[in-house]
Amino acid sequence: MYTKNEVSKLKQEFWTAFGGYMKPVPSADGTPVNWKNYKTGIRHIYFRMSAERDGACVAIEIRHPDPDIGEIFFEQLLSLRRLLENELEESWTWLPAREAETVNTSYKVEKCLSEVNVLDKNDWPEIISFLKPRIIGLDAFWSQAQYGFEGLG
């Protein structure tokens, strides 16, 4: 068992290591990017990465306070599904609206890796090898797709 402090410290170490691997990688547009805290440039659309005790995930998350606009964002993303999956060279899981723990309705498109544990440093290479190409692929997709979301909400 790990203490809360140990868990926090190990996760922080992991994300620092991940940042080190990603630092020299420019965005699809050739500019520097903070991969861990990727900014899509569109309010309420986020690229999220997680590494936990039970796996790792990369996701596009739509969290808009207006459910109708959130649905429009999701439908727009859905219309770009082929572009996304061609860029990533794999299919992802599409999760329609669900009420999140906050007032916002949440939509998610994700790819997860199970049976890895961020608290086990032996799993870090596998987690990094999973996250790195997918966040780079999302960036390449987004460099083409983001313009379809401007002015929607």
N, C-alpha and C. Protein backbone atom coordinates (compact mmCIF):
# COMPACT_ATOMS: atom_id res chain seq x y z
N MET A 1 0.83 -1.18 0.00
CA MET A 1 0.00 0.00 0.00
C MET A 1 0.88 1.25 0.00
N TYR A 2 0.38 2.23 -0.70
CA TYR A 2 1.07 3.51 -0.76
C TYR A 2 0.29 4.55 0.05
N THR A 3 1.02 5.45 0.67
CA THR A 3 0.36 6.56 1.35
C THR A 3 -0.10 7.55 0.27
N LYS A 4 -0.98 8.42 0.65
CA LYS A 4 -1.48 9.45 -0.27
C LYS A 4 -0.31 10.28 -0.81
N ASN A 5 0.61 10.59 0.07
CA ASN A 5 1.78 11.38 -0.31
C ASN A 5 2.67 10.62 -1.31
N GLU A 6 2.86 9.33 -1.08
CA GLU A 6 3.67 8.52 -1.99
C GLU A 6 3.03 8.43 -3.38
N VAL A 7 1.71 8.25 -3.40
CA VAL A 7 0.99 8.20 -4.67
C VAL A 7 1.17 9.51 -5.42
N SER A 8 0.98 10.61 -4.73
CA SER A 8 1.13 11.93 -5.33
C SER A 8 2.54 12.13 -5.87
N LYS A 9 3.53 11.74 -5.10
CA LYS A 9 4.93 11.90 -5.50
C LYS A 9 5.26 11.05 -6.74
N LEU A 10 4.78 9.81 -6.75
CA LEU A 10 5.05 8.93 -7.90
C LEU A 10 4.38 9.46 -9.17
N LYS A 11 3.15 9.94 -9.04
CA LYS A 11 2.46 10.50 -10.21
C LYS A 11 3.18 11.74 -10.71
N GLN A 12 3.62 12.58 -9.79
CA GLN A 12 4.35 13.78 -10.18
C GLN A 12 5.65 13.40 -10.90
N GLU A 13 6.35 12.39 -10.40
CA GLU A 13 7.57 11.92 -11.04
C GLU A 13 7.29 11.39 -12.45
N PHE A 14 6.17 10.65 -12.57
CA PHE A 14 5.81 10.12 -13.88
C PHE A 14 5.58 11.26 -14.88
N TRP A 15 4.77 12.24 -14.50
CA TRP A 15 4.45 13.32 -15.43
C TRP A 15 5.67 14.18 -15.74
N THR A 16 6.59 14.29 -14.80
CA THR A 16 7.84 14.98 -15.07
C THR A 16 8.66 14.21 -16.10
N ALA A 17 8.73 12.88 -15.93
CA ALA A 17 9.44 12.04 -16.89
C ALA A 17 8.78 12.12 -18.27
N PHE A 18 7.46 12.05 -18.29
CA PHE A 18 6.73 12.15 -19.55
C PHE A 18 7.02 13.49 -20.23
N GLY A 19 7.00 14.56 -19.46
CA GLY A 19 7.31 15.88 -19.99
C GLY A 19 8.70 15.94 -20.60
N GLY A 20 9.65 15.24 -19.96
CA GLY A 20 11.01 15.19 -20.49
C GLY A 20 11.07 14.51 -21.84
N TYR A 21 10.31 13.44 -22.02
CA TYR A 21 10.27 12.75 -23.31
C TYR A 21 9.60 13.60 -24.39
N MET A 22 8.62 14.39 -23.98
CA MET A 22 7.83 15.15 -24.94
C MET A 22 8.41 16.53 -25.26
N LYS A 23 9.26 17.05 -24.38
CA LYS A 23 9.77 18.42 -24.54
C LYS A 23 10.35 18.71 -25.93
N PRO A 24 11.17 17.80 -26.49
CA PRO A 24 11.75 18.13 -27.79
C PRO A 24 10.77 17.97 -28.97
N VAL A 25 9.57 17.48 -28.72
CA VAL A 25 8.61 17.23 -29.80
C VAL A 25 7.79 18.49 -30.07
N PRO A 26 7.92 19.07 -31.27
CA PRO A 26 7.11 20.25 -31.57
C PRO A 26 5.69 19.85 -31.94
N SER A 27 4.79 20.82 -31.94
CA SER A 27 3.42 20.55 -32.37
C SER A 27 3.40 20.30 -33.88
N ALA A 28 2.26 19.89 -34.40
CA ALA A 28 2.13 19.66 -35.84
C ALA A 28 2.38 20.94 -36.62
N ASP A 29 2.17 22.08 -35.98
CA ASP A 29 2.41 23.36 -36.62
C ASP A 29 3.85 23.84 -36.44
N GLY A 30 4.67 23.05 -35.73
CA GLY A 30 6.08 23.38 -35.54
C GLY A 30 6.39 24.26 -34.35
N THR A 31 5.39 24.53 -33.51
CA THR A 31 5.60 25.39 -32.35
C THR A 31 5.77 24.55 -31.09
N PRO A 32 6.44 25.10 -30.07
CA PRO A 32 6.54 24.38 -28.80
C PRO A 32 5.15 24.22 -28.18
N VAL A 33 4.97 23.16 -27.43
CA VAL A 33 3.66 22.90 -26.83
C VAL A 33 3.86 22.26 -25.46
N ASN A 34 2.97 22.55 -24.53
CA ASN A 34 2.94 21.88 -23.24
C ASN A 34 2.03 20.67 -23.40
N TRP A 35 2.62 19.52 -23.65
CA TRP A 35 1.84 18.34 -23.99
C TRP A 35 0.93 17.89 -22.86
N LYS A 36 1.39 17.97 -21.64
CA LYS A 36 0.56 17.51 -20.52
C LYS A 36 -0.66 18.41 -20.33
N ASN A 37 -0.50 19.69 -20.53
CA ASN A 37 -1.60 20.64 -20.38
C ASN A 37 -1.93 21.26 -21.74
N TYR A 38 -2.24 20.40 -22.67
CA TYR A 38 -2.47 20.81 -24.05
C TYR A 38 -3.65 21.78 -24.11
N LYS A 39 -3.45 22.88 -24.79
CA LYS A 39 -4.50 23.89 -24.98
C LYS A 39 -5.07 23.75 -26.39
N THR A 40 -6.36 23.42 -26.48
CA THR A 40 -6.99 23.27 -27.79
C THR A 40 -7.29 24.61 -28.44
N GLY A 41 -7.38 25.66 -27.63
CA GLY A 41 -7.74 26.97 -28.16
C GLY A 41 -9.24 27.17 -28.30
N ILE A 42 -10.01 26.15 -27.97
CA ILE A 42 -11.47 26.23 -28.01
C ILE A 42 -11.99 25.96 -26.61
N ARG A 43 -12.69 26.95 -26.05
CA ARG A 43 -13.23 26.77 -24.69
C ARG A 43 -14.13 25.55 -24.63
N HIS A 44 -14.01 24.82 -23.55
CA HIS A 44 -14.85 23.67 -23.24
C HIS A 44 -14.45 22.39 -23.99
N ILE A 45 -13.38 22.42 -24.79
CA ILE A 45 -12.85 21.21 -25.42
C ILE A 45 -11.45 21.00 -24.89
N TYR A 46 -11.21 19.81 -24.36
CA TYR A 46 -9.95 19.51 -23.69
C TYR A 46 -9.36 18.21 -24.22
N PHE A 47 -8.04 18.15 -24.27
CA PHE A 47 -7.33 16.90 -24.47
C PHE A 47 -6.80 16.50 -23.11
N ARG A 48 -7.16 15.32 -22.66
CA ARG A 48 -6.78 14.85 -21.34
C ARG A 48 -5.96 13.57 -21.45
N MET A 49 -4.97 13.48 -20.60
CA MET A 49 -4.22 12.23 -20.43
C MET A 49 -4.29 11.87 -18.96
N SER A 50 -4.41 10.59 -18.71
CA SER A 50 -4.40 10.14 -17.32
C SER A 50 -3.57 8.86 -17.22
N ALA A 51 -2.95 8.70 -16.08
CA ALA A 51 -2.21 7.48 -15.76
C ALA A 51 -2.53 7.18 -14.31
N GLU A 52 -3.15 6.04 -14.10
CA GLU A 52 -3.64 5.67 -12.77
C GLU A 52 -3.15 4.27 -12.41
N ARG A 53 -3.66 3.75 -11.31
CA ARG A 53 -3.29 2.40 -10.85
C ARG A 53 -3.86 1.31 -11.77
N ASP A 54 -4.95 1.64 -12.48
CA ASP A 54 -5.63 0.63 -13.28
C ASP A 54 -5.54 0.87 -14.78
N GLY A 55 -4.65 1.77 -15.20
CA GLY A 55 -4.49 1.98 -16.63
C GLY A 55 -4.16 3.42 -16.97
N ALA A 56 -4.12 3.66 -18.27
CA ALA A 56 -3.81 4.99 -18.79
C ALA A 56 -4.79 5.29 -19.92
N CYS A 57 -5.15 6.55 -20.07
CA CYS A 57 -6.09 6.96 -21.11
C CYS A 57 -5.67 8.28 -21.74
N VAL A 58 -6.06 8.44 -22.99
CA VAL A 58 -5.96 9.70 -23.70
C VAL A 58 -7.38 9.99 -24.17
N ALA A 59 -7.82 11.24 -24.02
CA ALA A 59 -9.21 11.54 -24.37
C ALA A 59 -9.37 12.95 -24.90
N ILE A 60 -10.40 13.11 -25.70
CA ILE A 60 -10.93 14.43 -26.04
C ILE A 60 -12.18 14.54 -25.18
N GLU A 61 -12.27 15.62 -24.44
CA GLU A 61 -13.42 15.80 -23.56
C GLU A 61 -14.10 17.12 -23.89
N ILE A 62 -15.41 17.06 -24.03
CA ILE A 62 -16.22 18.25 -24.25
C ILE A 62 -17.05 18.45 -22.99
N ARG A 63 -16.86 19.60 -22.34
CA ARG A 63 -17.59 19.92 -21.11
C ARG A 63 -18.12 21.35 -21.25
N HIS A 64 -19.32 21.44 -21.73
CA HIS A 64 -19.91 22.76 -21.96
C HIS A 64 -21.08 22.96 -21.01
N PRO A 65 -21.20 24.16 -20.42
CA PRO A 65 -22.30 24.42 -19.50
C PRO A 65 -23.68 24.41 -20.18
N ASP A 66 -23.72 24.66 -21.49
CA ASP A 66 -24.98 24.62 -22.23
C ASP A 66 -25.06 23.26 -22.93
N PRO A 67 -25.98 22.40 -22.52
CA PRO A 67 -26.06 21.05 -23.11
C PRO A 67 -26.28 21.05 -24.62
N ASP A 68 -27.01 22.04 -25.13
CA ASP A 68 -27.25 22.10 -26.57
C ASP A 68 -25.96 22.40 -27.34
N ILE A 69 -25.17 23.31 -26.83
CA ILE A 69 -23.90 23.65 -27.49
C ILE A 69 -22.92 22.48 -27.35
N GLY A 70 -22.90 21.84 -26.18
CA GLY A 70 -22.06 20.66 -26.00
C GLY A 70 -22.40 19.59 -27.02
N GLU A 71 -23.69 19.41 -27.27
CA GLU A 71 -24.13 18.42 -28.26
C GLU A 71 -23.68 18.82 -29.67
N ILE A 72 -23.75 20.11 -29.98
CA ILE A 72 -23.28 20.59 -31.29
C ILE A 72 -21.79 20.31 -31.44
N PHE A 73 -21.01 20.58 -30.40
CA PHE A 73 -19.56 20.28 -30.42
C PHE A 73 -19.33 18.79 -30.68
N PHE A 74 -20.09 17.95 -29.96
CA PHE A 74 -19.90 16.50 -30.11
C PHE A 74 -20.28 16.06 -31.52
N GLU A 75 -21.37 16.58 -32.05
CA GLU A 75 -21.78 16.23 -33.42
C GLU A 75 -20.73 16.68 -34.44
N GLN A 76 -20.14 17.84 -34.21
CA GLN A 76 -19.07 18.32 -35.09
C GLN A 76 -17.87 17.38 -35.01
N LEU A 77 -17.51 16.97 -33.81
CA LEU A 77 -16.41 16.03 -33.63
C LEU A 77 -16.75 14.70 -34.31
N LEU A 78 -17.97 14.25 -34.14
CA LEU A 78 -18.41 13.00 -34.75
C LEU A 78 -18.31 13.07 -36.27
N SER A 79 -18.59 14.23 -36.85
CA SER A 79 -18.48 14.40 -38.30
C SER A 79 -17.03 14.29 -38.77
N LEU A 80 -16.10 14.48 -37.84
CA LEU A 80 -14.66 14.39 -38.16
C LEU A 80 -14.04 13.07 -37.73
N ARG A 81 -14.88 12.12 -37.39
CA ARG A 81 -14.41 10.83 -36.86
C ARG A 81 -13.42 10.15 -37.81
N ARG A 82 -13.74 10.12 -39.09
CA ARG A 82 -12.85 9.44 -40.05
C ARG A 82 -11.48 10.12 -40.08
N LEU A 83 -11.46 11.45 -40.08
CA LEU A 83 -10.20 12.20 -40.06
C LEU A 83 -9.40 11.87 -38.79
N LEU A 84 -10.08 11.86 -37.65
CA LEU A 84 -9.43 11.55 -36.38
C LEU A 84 -8.83 10.15 -36.39
N GLU A 85 -9.65 9.18 -36.77
CA GLU A 85 -9.19 7.79 -36.71
C GLU A 85 -8.15 7.48 -37.79
N ASN A 86 -8.20 8.19 -38.91
CA ASN A 86 -7.13 8.03 -39.91
C ASN A 86 -5.82 8.58 -39.38
N GLU A 87 -5.88 9.73 -38.71
CA GLU A 87 -4.66 10.34 -38.16
C GLU A 87 -4.06 9.45 -37.07
N LEU A 88 -4.92 8.88 -36.23
CA LEU A 88 -4.46 8.05 -35.10
C LEU A 88 -4.20 6.60 -35.50
N GLU A 89 -4.68 6.21 -36.67
CA GLU A 89 -4.54 4.85 -37.19
C GLU A 89 -5.14 3.80 -36.26
N GLU A 90 -6.26 4.16 -35.61
CA GLU A 90 -6.97 3.23 -34.75
C GLU A 90 -8.34 3.83 -34.42
N SER A 91 -9.25 2.99 -33.98
CA SER A 91 -10.55 3.51 -33.57
C SER A 91 -10.54 3.75 -32.07
N TRP A 92 -11.31 4.74 -31.65
CA TRP A 92 -11.41 5.11 -30.25
C TRP A 92 -12.84 4.88 -29.78
N THR A 93 -13.06 4.94 -28.49
CA THR A 93 -14.38 4.77 -27.90
C THR A 93 -15.07 6.13 -27.83
N TRP A 94 -16.28 6.20 -28.36
CA TRP A 94 -17.06 7.44 -28.39
C TRP A 94 -18.14 7.34 -27.33
N LEU A 95 -18.09 8.23 -26.35
CA LEU A 95 -19.03 8.22 -25.24
C LEU A 95 -19.92 9.45 -25.33
N PRO A 96 -21.20 9.26 -25.67
CA PRO A 96 -22.10 10.41 -25.75
C PRO A 96 -22.39 11.01 -24.38
N ALA A 97 -23.26 11.97 -24.36
CA ALA A 97 -23.52 12.78 -23.17
C ALA A 97 -23.77 11.96 -21.92
N ARG A 98 -23.18 12.45 -20.85
CA ARG A 98 -23.47 11.94 -19.51
C ARG A 98 -23.35 13.13 -18.58
N GLU A 99 -24.13 13.09 -17.55
CA GLU A 99 -24.04 14.18 -16.58
C GLU A 99 -22.78 13.96 -15.75
N ALA A 100 -21.93 14.92 -15.77
CA ALA A 100 -20.69 14.83 -15.01
C ALA A 100 -20.96 15.21 -13.56
N GLU A 101 -19.91 15.12 -12.77
CA GLU A 101 -20.03 15.47 -11.35
C GLU A 101 -20.31 16.96 -11.14
N THR A 102 -20.11 17.74 -12.18
CA THR A 102 -20.41 19.17 -12.13
C THR A 102 -21.70 19.41 -12.90
N VAL A 103 -22.08 20.64 -13.08
CA VAL A 103 -23.29 20.96 -13.81
C VAL A 103 -23.13 20.76 -15.31
N ASN A 104 -21.91 20.69 -15.80
CA ASN A 104 -21.67 20.53 -17.23
C ASN A 104 -22.01 19.13 -17.70
N THR A 105 -22.52 19.05 -18.91
CA THR A 105 -22.69 17.77 -19.58
C THR A 105 -21.35 17.45 -20.22
N SER A 106 -20.97 16.19 -20.18
CA SER A 106 -19.66 15.79 -20.65
C SER A 106 -19.78 14.76 -21.77
N TYR A 107 -19.00 14.97 -22.81
CA TYR A 107 -18.85 14.01 -23.90
C TYR A 107 -17.38 13.62 -23.92
N LYS A 108 -17.11 12.38 -24.35
CA LYS A 108 -15.72 11.95 -24.34
C LYS A 108 -15.45 11.00 -25.50
N VAL A 109 -14.26 11.14 -26.08
CA VAL A 109 -13.74 10.21 -27.06
C VAL A 109 -12.40 9.78 -26.50
N GLU A 110 -12.21 8.48 -26.29
CA GLU A 110 -11.00 8.06 -25.58
C GLU A 110 -10.42 6.76 -26.09
N LYS A 111 -9.16 6.59 -25.76
CA LYS A 111 -8.45 5.34 -25.97
C LYS A 111 -7.72 5.03 -24.68
N CYS A 112 -7.92 3.81 -24.16
CA CYS A 112 -7.33 3.45 -22.87
C CYS A 112 -6.46 2.20 -22.99
N LEU A 113 -5.52 2.11 -22.10
CA LEU A 113 -4.64 0.97 -21.95
C LEU A 113 -4.85 0.43 -20.55
N SER A 114 -5.23 -0.83 -20.45
CA SER A 114 -5.44 -1.42 -19.12
C SER A 114 -4.21 -2.22 -18.71
N GLU A 115 -4.25 -2.67 -17.50
CA GLU A 115 -3.21 -3.55 -16.94
C GLU A 115 -1.83 -2.90 -16.86
N VAL A 116 -1.82 -1.58 -16.68
CA VAL A 116 -0.59 -0.88 -16.33
C VAL A 116 -0.90 -0.06 -15.09
N ASN A 117 0.15 0.22 -14.34
CA ASN A 117 -0.01 0.92 -13.07
C ASN A 117 1.05 2.02 -12.99
N VAL A 118 0.61 3.26 -12.91
CA VAL A 118 1.54 4.38 -12.86
C VAL A 118 2.41 4.34 -11.61
N LEU A 119 1.98 3.62 -10.60
CA LEU A 119 2.76 3.53 -9.36
C LEU A 119 3.91 2.52 -9.48
N ASP A 120 3.89 1.74 -10.56
CA ASP A 120 4.96 0.77 -10.82
C ASP A 120 5.88 1.35 -11.90
N LYS A 121 7.06 1.78 -11.51
CA LYS A 121 7.98 2.43 -12.46
C LYS A 121 8.34 1.51 -13.63
N ASN A 122 8.22 0.19 -13.46
CA ASN A 122 8.46 -0.73 -14.56
C ASN A 122 7.43 -0.57 -15.68
N ASP A 123 6.26 -0.05 -15.36
CA ASP A 123 5.21 0.17 -16.36
C ASP A 123 5.35 1.51 -17.08
N TRP A 124 6.19 2.38 -16.58
CA TRP A 124 6.29 3.71 -17.18
C TRP A 124 6.65 3.70 -18.66
N PRO A 125 7.61 2.89 -19.11
CA PRO A 125 7.91 2.89 -20.55
C PRO A 125 6.68 2.51 -21.39
N GLU A 126 5.90 1.55 -20.93
CA GLU A 126 4.70 1.14 -21.67
C GLU A 126 3.65 2.25 -21.68
N ILE A 127 3.49 2.92 -20.55
CA ILE A 127 2.52 4.02 -20.46
C ILE A 127 2.95 5.17 -21.36
N ILE A 128 4.22 5.53 -21.30
CA ILE A 128 4.73 6.62 -22.14
C ILE A 128 4.60 6.25 -23.62
N SER A 129 4.92 5.00 -23.96
CA SER A 129 4.80 4.54 -25.35
C SER A 129 3.35 4.52 -25.83
N PHE A 130 2.43 4.41 -24.90
CA PHE A 130 1.01 4.48 -25.24
C PHE A 130 0.56 5.94 -25.41
N LEU A 131 0.91 6.79 -24.46
CA LEU A 131 0.43 8.17 -24.47
C LEU A 131 1.06 9.02 -25.58
N LYS A 132 2.36 8.88 -25.76
CA LYS A 132 3.11 9.78 -26.66
C LYS A 132 2.56 9.81 -28.09
N PRO A 133 2.43 8.68 -28.79
CA PRO A 133 1.97 8.80 -30.17
C PRO A 133 0.52 9.27 -30.28
N ARG A 134 -0.27 9.01 -29.27
CA ARG A 134 -1.68 9.39 -29.32
C ARG A 134 -1.88 10.89 -29.10
N ILE A 135 -1.13 11.48 -28.18
CA ILE A 135 -1.27 12.93 -27.98
C ILE A 135 -0.67 13.67 -29.18
N ILE A 136 0.39 13.12 -29.78
CA ILE A 136 0.95 13.71 -30.99
C ILE A 136 -0.06 13.59 -32.14
N GLY A 137 -0.71 12.44 -32.23
CA GLY A 137 -1.74 12.24 -33.26
C GLY A 137 -2.93 13.17 -33.07
N LEU A 138 -3.33 13.37 -31.81
CA LEU A 138 -4.43 14.31 -31.54
C LEU A 138 -4.04 15.72 -31.98
N ASP A 139 -2.81 16.10 -31.72
CA ASP A 139 -2.33 17.41 -32.12
C ASP A 139 -2.37 17.56 -33.64
N ALA A 140 -1.93 16.54 -34.35
CA ALA A 140 -1.94 16.59 -35.82
C ALA A 140 -3.39 16.69 -36.33
N PHE A 141 -4.28 15.92 -35.74
CA PHE A 141 -5.71 16.01 -36.08
C PHE A 141 -6.23 17.41 -35.80
N TRP A 142 -5.91 17.94 -34.63
CA TRP A 142 -6.45 19.22 -34.19
C TRP A 142 -5.95 20.38 -35.06
N SER A 143 -4.73 20.25 -35.57
CA SER A 143 -4.20 21.33 -36.42
C SER A 143 -5.05 21.50 -37.67
N GLN A 144 -5.78 20.46 -38.08
CA GLN A 144 -6.68 20.53 -39.23
C GLN A 144 -8.13 20.78 -38.81
N ALA A 145 -8.54 20.21 -37.68
CA ALA A 145 -9.96 20.17 -37.31
C ALA A 145 -10.44 21.35 -36.46
N GLN A 146 -9.55 22.03 -35.77
CA GLN A 146 -9.98 23.05 -34.81
C GLN A 146 -10.83 24.16 -35.45
N TYR A 147 -10.58 24.45 -36.71
CA TYR A 147 -11.29 25.55 -37.36
C TYR A 147 -12.78 25.25 -37.51
N GLY A 148 -13.14 23.97 -37.51
CA GLY A 148 -14.54 23.60 -37.60
C GLY A 148 -15.31 23.86 -36.31
N PHE A 149 -14.60 24.22 -35.24
CA PHE A 149 -15.25 24.47 -33.95
C PHE A 149 -15.32 25.95 -33.62
N GLU A 150 -14.58 26.76 -34.34
CA GLU A 150 -14.58 28.19 -34.06
C GLU A 150 -15.96 28.78 -34.35
N GLY A 151 -16.44 29.59 -33.45
CA GLY A 151 -17.73 30.25 -33.64
C GLY A 151 -18.93 29.40 -33.28
N LEU A 152 -18.70 28.15 -32.81
CA LEU A 152 -19.83 27.29 -32.43
C LEU A 152 -20.38 27.59 -31.06
N GLY A 153 -19.61 28.15 -30.19
CA GLY A 153 -20.15 28.36 -28.85
C GLY A 153 -19.20 29.00 -27.94
